[in-house]
Amino acid sequence: MNILWDTHTFLWFISGHKDLSKVAKVEASDPQKVHFLSIASLWEVSIKTAIGKLEINGPYASVIDDVLKNQIQILPISFEHTVIQNKLPFHERDPFDRIIASQCIAENMNLISKDDIFDKYFENSSVKRIW
């Protein structure tokens, strides 16, 4: 099954952050799987760095280098993703998490994320949160 990385997973992986779990490191490094990062995650990083809520190594424009270096594909947001998001229960209102959950469900991808709120979104699907 393909893997979608949550925003914090991507940031922690590229920075070698100590809070990235061993399981997440193994999954994120598995060459047998196709790895994706949602365009929503890039949008989130762009917004948060612009307003000073998030600091990264280097300018925002350099994030694409980390995506390419780690052979991660960017997953665009499709209309189908928005239809699924529209039907999701409101376990939370974070628009980034909601579209990421929708993408996982639509594309049948597991998600690497520390955030257990995703477990509620995936209850009635074959998708799993990996941590």
Protein backbone atom coordinates (compact mmCIF):
# COMPACT_ATOMS: atom_id res chain seq x y z
CA MET A 1 0.00 0.00 0.00
CA ASN A 2 1.24 3.49 -0.83
CA ILE A 3 2.07 5.91 1.97
CA LEU A 4 1.02 9.51 2.57
CA TRP A 5 3.17 11.50 4.98
CA ASP A 6 1.52 13.91 7.38
CA THR A 7 3.06 17.39 7.42
CA HIS A 8 4.89 16.95 10.72
CA THR A 9 6.18 13.53 9.63
CA PHE A 10 7.80 15.09 6.58
CA LEU A 11 9.31 17.96 8.56
CA TRP A 12 10.58 15.65 11.31
CA PHE A 13 12.02 13.16 8.80
CA ILE A 14 13.97 15.74 6.81
CA SER A 15 15.30 17.37 9.98
CA GLY A 16 16.14 14.13 11.81
CA HIS A 17 13.83 15.12 14.66
CA LYS A 18 14.04 12.90 17.75
CA ASP A 19 10.25 12.53 18.07
CA LEU A 20 9.90 10.58 14.82
CA SER A 21 9.04 7.03 15.88
CA LYS A 22 11.12 4.02 14.84
CA VAL A 23 8.16 2.58 12.94
CA ALA A 24 7.66 5.88 11.11
CA LYS A 25 11.35 6.00 10.17
CA VAL A 26 11.19 2.46 8.77
CA GLU A 27 8.01 3.16 6.79
CA ALA A 28 9.30 6.49 5.50
CA SER A 29 12.48 4.78 4.29
CA ASP A 30 10.82 1.74 2.69
CA PRO A 31 11.82 1.74 -1.01
CA GLN A 32 9.14 -0.87 -1.80
CA LYS A 33 6.40 1.70 -1.24
CA VAL A 34 5.50 4.82 -3.16
CA HIS A 35 5.65 7.83 -0.85
CA PHE A 36 3.45 10.90 -1.19
CA LEU A 37 3.17 14.31 0.40
CA SER A 38 -0.07 16.20 -0.05
CA ILE A 39 0.05 19.56 -1.72
CA ALA A 40 -2.00 20.59 1.34
CA SER A 41 1.07 19.90 3.50
CA LEU A 42 3.18 22.15 1.33
CA TRP A 43 0.48 24.80 1.53
CA GLU A 44 0.45 24.44 5.34
CA VAL A 45 4.23 24.81 5.58
CA SER A 46 4.14 27.80 3.23
CA ILE A 47 1.50 29.57 5.31
CA LYS A 48 3.08 28.81 8.67
CA THR A 49 6.57 29.88 7.60
CA ALA A 50 5.18 33.08 6.06
CA ILE A 51 3.45 34.11 9.30
CA GLY A 52 6.35 33.08 11.52
CA LYS A 53 4.55 30.16 13.18
CA LEU A 54 7.04 27.61 11.80
CA GLU A 55 10.77 27.72 11.22
CA ILE A 56 12.51 25.40 8.77
CA ASN A 57 16.10 25.04 7.64
CA GLY A 58 16.44 27.49 4.77
CA PRO A 59 13.87 29.40 2.77
CA TYR A 60 10.48 27.87 2.02
CA ALA A 61 11.41 27.51 -1.66
CA SER A 62 14.07 24.95 -0.67
CA VAL A 63 11.43 22.50 0.64
CA ILE A 64 11.03 21.07 -2.85
CA ASP A 65 14.65 19.93 -2.71
CA ASP A 66 13.84 17.76 0.33
CA VAL A 67 10.79 16.34 -1.44
CA LEU A 68 12.82 15.39 -4.51
CA LYS A 69 15.86 14.15 -2.56
CA ASN A 70 13.65 11.72 -0.64
CA GLN A 71 11.81 10.57 -3.79
CA ILE A 72 8.46 11.74 -2.49
CA GLN A 73 5.68 12.42 -4.96
CA ILE A 74 3.37 15.39 -4.48
CA LEU A 75 -0.29 14.40 -4.29
CA PRO A 76 -2.59 17.10 -5.73
CA ILE A 77 -6.05 17.71 -4.33
CA SER A 78 -8.75 16.35 -6.62
CA PHE A 79 -12.47 17.01 -6.70
CA GLU A 80 -13.02 13.46 -5.35
CA HIS A 81 -10.90 14.35 -2.31
CA THR A 82 -13.11 17.34 -1.61
CA VAL A 83 -16.28 15.24 -1.95
CA ILE A 84 -14.98 12.82 0.67
CA GLN A 85 -13.90 15.71 2.92
CA ASN A 86 -17.40 17.15 2.61
CA LYS A 87 -18.88 13.94 4.03
CA LEU A 88 -16.40 13.43 6.89
CA PRO A 89 -17.66 13.90 10.44
CA PHE A 90 -16.19 16.88 12.25
CA HIS A 91 -13.82 15.15 14.64
CA GLU A 92 -11.84 18.38 14.31
CA ARG A 93 -11.91 21.46 12.10
CA ASP A 94 -8.28 21.55 10.91
CA PRO A 95 -8.68 21.85 7.12
CA PHE A 96 -5.24 20.37 6.44
CA ASP A 97 -5.92 17.23 8.48
CA ARG A 98 -9.36 16.83 6.95
CA ILE A 99 -8.09 16.95 3.36
CA ILE A 100 -5.17 14.64 4.20
CA ALA A 101 -7.62 12.13 5.72
CA SER A 102 -9.81 12.45 2.63
CA GLN A 103 -6.87 11.84 0.32
CA CYS A 104 -5.87 8.71 2.23
CA ILE A 105 -9.39 7.34 2.00
CA ALA A 106 -9.84 8.20 -1.69
CA GLU A 107 -6.43 6.88 -2.72
CA ASN A 108 -6.41 3.94 -0.27
CA MET A 109 -3.11 5.05 1.28
CA ASN A 110 -1.87 4.53 4.80
CA LEU A 111 -0.81 7.65 6.66
CA ILE A 112 2.38 8.17 8.65
CA SER A 113 1.31 10.47 11.47
CA LYS A 114 1.62 10.90 15.21
CA ASP A 115 -1.86 12.48 15.34
CA ASP A 116 -4.35 9.89 16.56
CA ILE A 117 -7.32 12.00 15.45
CA PHE A 118 -6.88 10.31 12.06
CA ASP A 119 -7.87 6.96 13.60
CA LYS A 120 -11.44 8.27 13.91
CA TYR A 121 -11.52 9.22 10.23
CA PHE A 122 -10.22 5.81 9.17
CA GLU A 123 -12.55 3.67 11.33
CA ASN A 124 -14.68 2.49 8.42
CA SER A 125 -11.94 2.09 5.82
CA SER A 126 -8.95 -0.11 5.11
CA VAL A 127 -6.64 2.86 5.71
CA LYS A 128 -4.41 2.81 8.78
CA ARG A 129 -2.38 5.40 10.62
CA ILE A 130 1.22 4.32 11.08
CA TRP A 131 3.26 5.52 13.99
